[in-house]
Amino acid sequence: MKTTLLAMGTLAAVVCVAQGCKRESAAGPDVWAVVNNHEIKRDQVEKYYRSSALEQQQPTTSPSPEEALSLKLNVLDELINDEILLQLAQKQNLNATDGEVEDKFTEFKSPYTEEEFQRQLKDRGVSVDDLRLEIRRKLSIDKLMNREVKSKISITDQDVADYFNQNRAQFNVAETQYRVAQIIVTPRKDPQIRNRKNDDATTDLEAKRKIAALLQKLNSGTDFGQLAADYSEDPTTAATGGDLGYIPESALEKTDPALKKAVTSMKAGEISGIITQHDGYYILKLLAREAPGQRELTDPTVQQSIRDTLRNRKEQLLRAAYLTVARENAKVTNYFAQQVLETSGKLPSAANAAGAPGGAAAQPR
C-alpha cells in the first residue's frame, strides 16, 4: 500500500511539474516578462520604448523592424533589472516615503508652469500617477544602491597619490584651456528640443527676440546655467546648463573667429553679448581659464578630480557586480525574448514603433 501511494505521489509530482511548466508558459499575450512572480507587461515596455525612440530617432525616420525589436529588448531588460532591485529594496524596508516622493515630484515640476508641465507629461505619454510611481521606484532603488554599493566605497589619500603618480602626464596642461558654457537660439523649428521649457523659436524674428530677452535676464543676474537648461536650443548641452567643458586653445582656431575672440577676450565669469552665427544666435560664458603647466597633487582641483574618477570607477564596478549577483538569485522569464527567437525576429507588429507582438504568433508558450 505504501509503495502504491509512493508511486502515485511520484506520478502526481511529475504531472504537477509538467502542468506547472505549462502554467508558467501560459502567461497572457500582454505579459512580456516575469520577475519572481511579478509581471512586466507590454504597455510598460511600450511607454519606455516610445520615450527612448523620441530621444534616439529623428521624428521623420522610422526604425527598421530589427531596430524596433532590439530597442524593446533593451528596454525590457532594463525594466527587469529595475524590478529585481526594487524587490530587494522592499525586502530591506528601503521603500521611498510619500514625503520623499512628493519632494522629488515638486522638484521635477518646479521649472515649469502648469501648462508646460502637462505638455511634458503628454509628450512622454505618461500620467501624473505614472510619474509618481516612477519617482518612487527610482528613489527606492537609489536607497538600495546607497546602502549596498556607495557606502562600501572608500577612497584613501594613498589611492589618490598612487593615481596621480601613475598618471602625472594627465595633469600637465599643454596649452591654455577655456571652460565655456553656451546658450543657442536657432531661427527654425528644431526636431529635438531638449530644454526644460520645451521652448523653441521657429523664425528669425522670434529667435532675435528670444536671445535678446535671455541676454537681458543674464544682465539682471539670472543664473546662466538655469537659463541654458530652460531655453537653449542646443540638444547636446542644454541639459548640462550649456557647459561645453574645457576647450584647448588650439581647438578654438577651428571655430568661427567671432566665437574665438569672444572666448579669449573674456575673464572667468564674464558673459559675451549676442554672437550671430550661420546656424543661430549665441551667448557664451567663460566659466574658467587654465594656464598651461604641470598641476601638482597639492592642487585641490586635482585631488577632487582624482577622487571623483576613482569613486565613479568603483561605483560602476560594484553596481555591475551587485546586479549580476542579484539577477542570478532572481527567477526571471523573458517571454518577449523567447518570441523574438522563435519567430526569427519577424513578429507581426515589430515594424510599428508603438506596436507590439500580437496575434497567434505572439502568444508566449
Protein backbone atom coordinates (compact mmCIF):
# COMPACT_ATOMS: atom_id res chain seq x y z
CA MET A 1 0.00 0.00 0.00
CA LYS A 2 2.82 2.35 0.95
CA THR A 3 4.58 1.53 -2.32
CA THR A 4 1.43 2.27 -4.29
CA LEU A 5 0.94 5.59 -2.55
CA LEU A 6 4.59 6.46 -3.16
CA ALA A 7 4.24 5.60 -6.82
CA MET A 8 1.08 7.68 -7.06
CA GLY A 9 2.82 10.54 -5.29
CA THR A 10 5.72 10.36 -7.71
CA LEU A 11 3.35 10.30 -10.66
CA ALA A 12 1.43 13.25 -9.23
CA ALA A 13 4.67 15.18 -8.80
CA VAL A 14 5.61 14.53 -12.40
CA VAL A 15 2.19 15.65 -13.57
CA CYS A 16 2.40 18.70 -11.31
CA VAL A 17 5.78 19.67 -12.69
CA ALA A 18 4.51 19.24 -16.22
CA GLN A 19 1.41 21.28 -15.51
CA GLY A 20 3.45 23.85 -13.64
CA CYS A 21 5.70 24.29 -16.65
CA LYS A 22 2.62 24.63 -18.78
CA ARG A 23 1.08 27.19 -16.44
CA GLU A 24 4.33 29.16 -16.29
CA SER A 25 4.50 29.32 -20.07
CA ALA A 26 0.81 30.17 -20.40
CA ALA A 27 1.13 33.80 -19.40
CA GLY A 28 -1.16 36.16 -21.27
CA PRO A 29 0.00 37.81 -24.51
CA ASP A 30 0.47 41.13 -22.72
CA VAL A 31 2.93 39.64 -20.22
CA TRP A 32 6.40 40.09 -21.66
CA ALA A 33 8.43 39.03 -18.64
CA VAL A 34 8.04 37.71 -15.10
CA VAL A 35 10.42 38.54 -12.25
CA ASN A 36 9.88 36.47 -9.10
CA ASN A 37 6.15 36.19 -9.92
CA HIS A 38 5.86 39.91 -10.76
CA GLU A 39 4.64 40.50 -14.29
CA ILE A 40 6.13 43.12 -16.60
CA LYS A 41 3.56 43.90 -19.25
CA ARG A 42 3.68 45.09 -22.80
CA ASP A 43 2.30 48.56 -22.07
CA GLN A 44 5.14 49.25 -19.60
CA VAL A 45 7.71 48.42 -22.25
CA GLU A 46 5.88 50.44 -24.89
CA LYS A 47 5.85 53.60 -22.74
CA TYR A 48 9.60 53.46 -22.20
CA TYR A 49 10.16 52.46 -25.80
CA ARG A 50 8.31 55.48 -27.16
CA SER A 51 10.29 57.79 -24.89
CA SER A 52 13.59 56.22 -25.97
CA ALA A 53 12.62 56.29 -29.63
CA LEU A 54 11.86 60.01 -29.45
CA GLU A 55 15.29 60.66 -27.96
CA GLN A 56 17.25 58.49 -30.37
CA GLN A 57 15.45 58.92 -33.68
CA GLN A 58 14.55 61.91 -35.81
CA PRO A 59 10.75 62.24 -35.94
CA THR A 60 10.82 61.87 -39.71
CA THR A 61 12.54 58.47 -39.60
CA SER A 62 11.07 55.14 -38.62
CA PRO A 63 13.17 52.40 -37.07
CA SER A 64 13.52 49.18 -39.02
CA PRO A 65 11.72 46.13 -37.59
CA GLU A 66 15.03 44.83 -36.27
CA GLU A 67 15.91 48.17 -34.66
CA ALA A 68 12.48 48.36 -33.03
CA LEU A 69 12.75 44.86 -31.60
CA SER A 70 16.32 45.43 -30.41
CA LEU A 71 15.39 48.61 -28.59
CA LYS A 72 12.35 46.96 -26.99
CA LEU A 73 14.53 44.07 -25.82
CA ASN A 74 16.92 46.57 -24.24
CA VAL A 75 14.06 48.47 -22.59
CA LEU A 76 12.59 45.24 -21.21
CA ASP A 77 15.99 44.16 -19.88
CA GLU A 78 16.32 47.46 -18.02
CA LEU A 79 12.83 47.04 -16.56
CA ILE A 80 13.74 43.53 -15.43
CA ASN A 81 16.87 44.83 -13.70
CA ASP A 82 14.91 47.64 -12.04
CA GLU A 83 12.25 45.21 -10.83
CA ILE A 84 14.89 42.93 -9.29
CA LEU A 85 16.48 45.87 -7.48
CA LEU A 86 13.11 47.26 -6.39
CA GLN A 87 12.14 43.92 -4.85
CA LEU A 88 15.44 43.83 -2.97
CA ALA A 89 14.85 47.37 -1.73
CA GLN A 90 11.40 46.38 -0.49
CA LYS A 91 12.81 43.36 1.36
CA GLN A 92 15.23 45.68 3.16
CA ASN A 93 12.48 48.20 4.01
CA LEU A 94 14.11 50.84 1.82
CA ASN A 95 10.92 52.00 0.13
CA ALA A 96 10.76 55.71 -0.62
CA THR A 97 8.37 57.52 1.70
CA ASP A 98 5.40 59.56 0.49
CA GLY A 99 7.20 62.71 1.62
CA GLU A 100 10.33 61.86 -0.36
CA VAL A 101 8.27 61.13 -3.45
CA GLU A 102 6.35 64.37 -3.11
CA ASP A 103 9.56 66.40 -2.63
CA LYS A 104 11.07 64.90 -5.77
CA PHE A 105 7.83 65.37 -7.69
CA THR A 106 7.77 69.05 -6.69
CA GLU A 107 11.42 69.43 -7.71
CA PHE A 108 10.69 67.89 -11.10
CA LYS A 109 7.67 70.10 -11.63
CA SER A 110 9.09 73.39 -10.32
CA PRO A 111 10.81 74.63 -13.53
CA TYR A 112 7.53 74.51 -15.46
CA THR A 113 4.25 76.32 -15.50
CA GLU A 114 1.24 74.01 -15.09
CA GLU A 115 0.61 74.16 -18.84
CA GLU A 116 4.23 73.33 -19.63
CA PHE A 117 4.23 70.51 -17.10
CA GLN A 118 1.12 68.93 -18.58
CA ARG A 119 2.64 69.23 -22.06
CA GLN A 120 5.77 67.45 -20.83
CA LEU A 121 3.65 64.60 -19.49
CA LYS A 122 1.68 64.39 -22.72
CA ASP A 123 4.85 64.34 -24.83
CA ARG A 124 6.22 61.50 -22.71
CA GLY A 125 2.90 59.65 -22.80
CA VAL A 126 2.66 59.38 -19.00
CA SER A 127 0.19 60.47 -16.34
CA VAL A 128 0.88 62.17 -13.00
CA ASP A 129 0.39 58.80 -11.29
CA ASP A 130 2.87 57.19 -13.70
CA LEU A 131 5.43 59.88 -12.86
CA ARG A 132 4.95 59.49 -9.10
CA LEU A 133 5.29 55.72 -9.41
CA GLU A 134 8.48 56.07 -11.43
CA ILE A 135 9.89 58.52 -8.87
CA ARG A 136 9.07 56.10 -6.05
CA ARG A 137 10.77 53.23 -7.83
CA LYS A 138 13.88 55.25 -8.61
CA LEU A 139 14.23 56.65 -5.09
CA SER A 140 13.81 53.17 -3.59
CA ILE A 141 16.46 51.72 -5.88
CA ASP A 142 18.77 54.66 -5.09
CA LYS A 143 18.40 53.88 -1.39
CA LEU A 144 19.37 50.28 -2.06
CA MET A 145 22.40 51.31 -4.10
CA ASN A 146 23.47 53.78 -1.43
CA ARG A 147 23.45 51.02 1.18
CA GLU A 148 24.80 48.14 -0.87
CA VAL A 149 27.25 49.95 -3.15
CA LYS A 150 28.09 53.57 -2.37
CA SER A 151 28.51 53.06 1.36
CA LYS A 152 31.19 50.47 0.67
CA ILE A 153 33.35 52.78 -1.44
CA SER A 154 36.34 54.32 0.29
CA ILE A 155 38.97 56.42 -1.46
CA THR A 156 42.10 56.94 0.63
CA ASP A 157 44.77 59.62 0.32
CA GLN A 158 47.12 56.86 -0.81
CA ASP A 159 44.73 55.88 -3.59
CA VAL A 160 44.73 59.49 -4.78
CA ALA A 161 48.53 59.76 -4.60
CA ASP A 162 49.01 56.47 -6.46
CA TYR A 163 46.67 57.55 -9.25
CA PHE A 164 48.43 60.90 -9.57
CA ASN A 165 51.89 59.32 -9.74
CA GLN A 166 50.74 56.79 -12.34
CA ASN A 167 49.00 59.44 -14.45
CA ARG A 168 51.13 62.51 -13.85
CA ALA A 169 51.20 63.43 -17.53
CA GLN A 170 47.41 63.68 -17.48
CA PHE A 171 47.73 66.72 -15.23
CA ASN A 172 50.28 68.50 -17.39
CA VAL A 173 48.25 71.09 -19.28
CA ALA A 174 49.99 71.60 -22.61
CA GLU A 175 48.14 74.76 -23.61
CA THR A 176 45.67 77.27 -22.27
CA GLN A 177 42.22 75.77 -21.85
CA TYR A 178 38.86 77.53 -21.60
CA ARG A 179 35.82 76.13 -19.89
CA VAL A 180 32.86 77.57 -21.77
CA ALA A 181 29.08 77.45 -21.45
CA GLN A 182 26.69 78.46 -24.21
CA ILE A 183 23.11 79.36 -24.95
CA ILE A 184 21.99 78.85 -28.55
CA VAL A 185 18.76 80.02 -30.19
CA THR A 186 18.01 78.97 -33.76
CA PRO A 187 15.63 80.66 -36.24
CA ARG A 188 13.96 77.39 -37.26
CA LYS A 189 11.85 74.63 -35.77
CA ASP A 190 14.13 72.15 -34.04
CA PRO A 191 13.04 68.47 -34.16
CA GLN A 192 14.95 67.55 -30.99
CA ILE A 193 14.36 70.31 -28.45
CA ARG A 194 15.85 69.26 -25.11
CA ASN A 195 15.42 72.33 -22.92
CA ARG A 196 13.27 72.13 -19.78
CA LYS A 197 10.70 74.63 -21.01
CA ASN A 198 10.35 72.90 -24.38
CA ASP A 199 10.81 76.42 -25.79
CA ASP A 200 11.66 76.72 -29.49
CA ALA A 201 11.96 79.81 -31.72
CA THR A 202 10.77 78.99 -35.24
CA THR A 203 11.51 82.21 -37.16
CA ASP A 204 14.40 84.67 -37.29
CA LEU A 205 12.30 87.36 -35.64
CA GLU A 206 11.32 85.02 -32.79
CA ALA A 207 14.96 83.97 -32.38
CA LYS A 208 16.19 87.57 -32.18
CA ARG A 209 13.55 88.48 -29.62
CA LYS A 210 14.25 85.37 -27.56
CA ILE A 211 18.04 85.77 -27.46
CA ALA A 212 17.68 89.46 -26.59
CA ALA A 213 15.31 88.63 -23.73
CA LEU A 214 17.72 85.98 -22.44
CA LEU A 215 20.64 88.42 -22.50
CA GLN A 216 18.55 90.91 -20.56
CA LYS A 217 17.79 88.27 -17.93
CA LEU A 218 21.50 87.42 -17.67
CA ASN A 219 22.40 91.09 -17.24
CA SER A 220 19.80 91.24 -14.46
CA GLY A 221 21.55 88.45 -12.59
CA THR A 222 19.66 85.31 -13.65
CA ASP A 223 21.82 82.18 -13.43
CA PHE A 224 23.38 81.27 -16.80
CA GLY A 225 23.13 77.51 -16.29
CA GLN A 226 19.46 77.73 -15.35
CA LEU A 227 18.60 79.80 -18.43
CA ALA A 228 20.56 77.44 -20.68
CA ALA A 229 18.74 74.42 -19.24
CA ASP A 230 15.38 76.15 -19.63
CA TYR A 231 15.75 77.82 -23.03
CA SER A 232 18.89 76.87 -25.00
CA GLU A 233 18.04 75.09 -28.25
CA ASP A 234 21.25 73.07 -28.41
CA PRO A 235 20.18 69.42 -27.81
CA THR A 236 23.68 68.45 -26.67
CA THR A 237 24.39 70.99 -23.93
CA ALA A 238 21.02 72.31 -22.70
CA ALA A 239 20.70 69.51 -20.14
CA THR A 240 24.08 70.41 -18.60
CA GLY A 241 23.35 74.11 -18.34
CA GLY A 242 25.18 74.81 -21.59
CA ASP A 243 28.52 73.55 -20.22
CA LEU A 244 30.92 72.58 -23.04
CA GLY A 245 33.71 71.56 -20.67
CA TYR A 246 37.33 72.58 -21.26
CA ILE A 247 38.32 73.57 -24.79
CA PRO A 248 42.06 73.72 -25.72
CA GLU A 249 43.17 76.97 -27.31
CA SER A 250 44.20 75.11 -30.46
CA ALA A 251 40.61 73.83 -30.86
CA LEU A 252 39.38 77.42 -30.88
CA GLU A 253 41.40 78.00 -34.05
CA LYS A 254 38.91 75.76 -35.84
CA THR A 255 35.88 77.74 -34.71
CA ASP A 256 34.38 80.92 -36.12
CA PRO A 257 36.65 83.95 -35.46
CA ALA A 258 33.83 85.75 -33.63
CA LEU A 259 33.42 82.84 -31.21
CA LYS A 260 37.17 82.55 -30.65
CA LYS A 261 37.51 86.28 -30.00
CA ALA A 262 34.65 86.23 -27.52
CA VAL A 263 36.13 83.31 -25.56
CA THR A 264 39.74 84.51 -25.46
CA SER A 265 38.86 88.10 -24.57
CA MET A 266 36.62 87.30 -21.59
CA LYS A 267 37.65 86.91 -17.97
CA ALA A 268 36.35 83.99 -15.92
CA GLY A 269 32.73 84.67 -15.00
CA GLU A 270 32.09 87.11 -17.84
CA ILE A 271 29.27 86.78 -20.35
CA SER A 272 29.52 87.72 -24.02
CA GLY A 273 26.99 89.73 -25.96
CA ILE A 274 24.89 88.16 -28.69
CA ILE A 275 27.06 86.49 -31.34
CA THR A 276 25.42 85.92 -34.71
CA GLN A 277 26.33 82.69 -36.49
CA HIS A 278 25.06 80.97 -39.63
CA ASP A 279 23.04 78.50 -37.53
CA GLY A 280 21.61 80.93 -34.99
CA TYR A 281 22.41 83.27 -32.12
CA TYR A 282 24.87 82.52 -29.31
CA ILE A 283 25.60 83.83 -25.82
CA LEU A 284 28.78 82.50 -24.19
CA LYS A 285 30.04 82.47 -20.63
CA LEU A 286 33.66 81.80 -19.67
CA LEU A 287 33.45 79.59 -16.60
CA ALA A 288 37.20 79.15 -16.11
CA ARG A 289 40.57 79.61 -17.80
CA GLU A 290 43.50 77.28 -17.13
CA ALA A 291 47.05 78.33 -17.96
CA PRO A 292 49.46 75.69 -19.30
CA GLY A 293 51.79 73.84 -16.93
CA GLN A 294 52.09 70.85 -14.61
CA ARG A 295 49.36 70.55 -11.99
CA GLU A 296 50.58 69.14 -8.67
CA LEU A 297 48.88 66.85 -6.19
CA THR A 298 48.62 69.73 -3.74
CA ASP A 299 46.11 71.39 -6.07
CA PRO A 300 42.61 70.82 -4.52
CA THR A 301 41.09 70.67 -8.00
CA VAL A 302 43.45 67.84 -8.96
CA GLN A 303 42.66 65.93 -5.78
CA GLN A 304 38.91 66.27 -6.25
CA SER A 305 39.14 65.25 -9.88
CA ILE A 306 41.05 62.09 -8.93
CA ARG A 307 38.64 61.23 -6.11
CA ASP A 308 35.66 61.65 -8.44
CA THR A 309 37.31 59.45 -11.07
CA LEU A 310 38.18 56.67 -8.62
CA ARG A 311 34.79 56.80 -6.93
CA ASN A 312 32.94 56.59 -10.26
CA ARG A 313 35.08 53.64 -11.36
CA LYS A 314 34.46 51.71 -8.16
CA GLU A 315 30.76 52.54 -8.16
CA GLN A 316 30.32 51.26 -11.72
CA LEU A 317 32.24 48.07 -10.87
CA LEU A 318 30.32 47.35 -7.67
CA ARG A 319 26.95 48.19 -9.24
CA ALA A 320 27.64 45.77 -12.10
CA ALA A 321 28.74 43.04 -9.69
CA TYR A 322 25.78 43.60 -7.38
CA LEU A 323 23.29 43.49 -10.25
CA THR A 324 24.90 40.33 -11.65
CA VAL A 325 24.55 38.52 -8.32
CA ALA A 326 21.03 39.85 -7.79
CA ARG A 327 19.96 38.69 -11.22
CA GLU A 328 21.43 35.22 -10.68
CA ASN A 329 19.40 34.91 -7.48
CA ALA A 330 16.17 36.03 -9.13
CA LYS A 331 13.75 33.93 -11.16
CA VAL A 332 13.32 35.68 -14.49
CA THR A 333 11.36 34.57 -17.54
CA ASN A 334 11.62 36.80 -20.62
CA TYR A 335 8.73 35.78 -22.86
CA PHE A 336 9.35 38.56 -25.32
CA ALA A 337 12.94 37.44 -25.95
CA GLN A 338 11.67 33.89 -26.43
CA GLN A 339 9.24 35.08 -29.09
CA VAL A 340 11.93 37.05 -30.92
CA LEU A 341 13.97 33.86 -31.17
CA GLU A 342 11.05 31.63 -32.10
CA THR A 343 9.90 33.92 -34.92
CA SER A 344 13.46 34.70 -36.07
CA GLY A 345 12.79 38.35 -35.38
CA LYS A 346 9.67 38.50 -37.54
CA LEU A 347 7.00 39.38 -35.00
CA PRO A 348 3.93 40.80 -36.81
CA SER A 349 3.95 44.29 -35.31
CA ALA A 350 7.70 44.73 -34.92
CA ALA A 351 7.94 47.41 -37.58
CA ASN A 352 5.42 49.60 -35.79
CA ALA A 353 7.21 51.86 -33.31
CA ALA A 354 4.22 51.82 -30.99
CA GLY A 355 3.22 48.27 -31.83
CA ALA A 356 3.96 45.03 -30.11
CA PRO A 357 3.81 41.36 -30.93
CA GLY A 358 0.26 40.21 -31.11
CA GLY A 359 -1.95 37.54 -32.60
CA ALA A 360 -1.28 33.84 -32.56
CA ALA A 361 2.37 34.14 -33.47
CA ALA A 362 2.99 36.36 -30.46
CA GLN A 363 1.37 34.21 -27.80
CA PRO A 364 4.01 33.17 -25.21
CA ARG A 365 4.47 29.49 -24.97
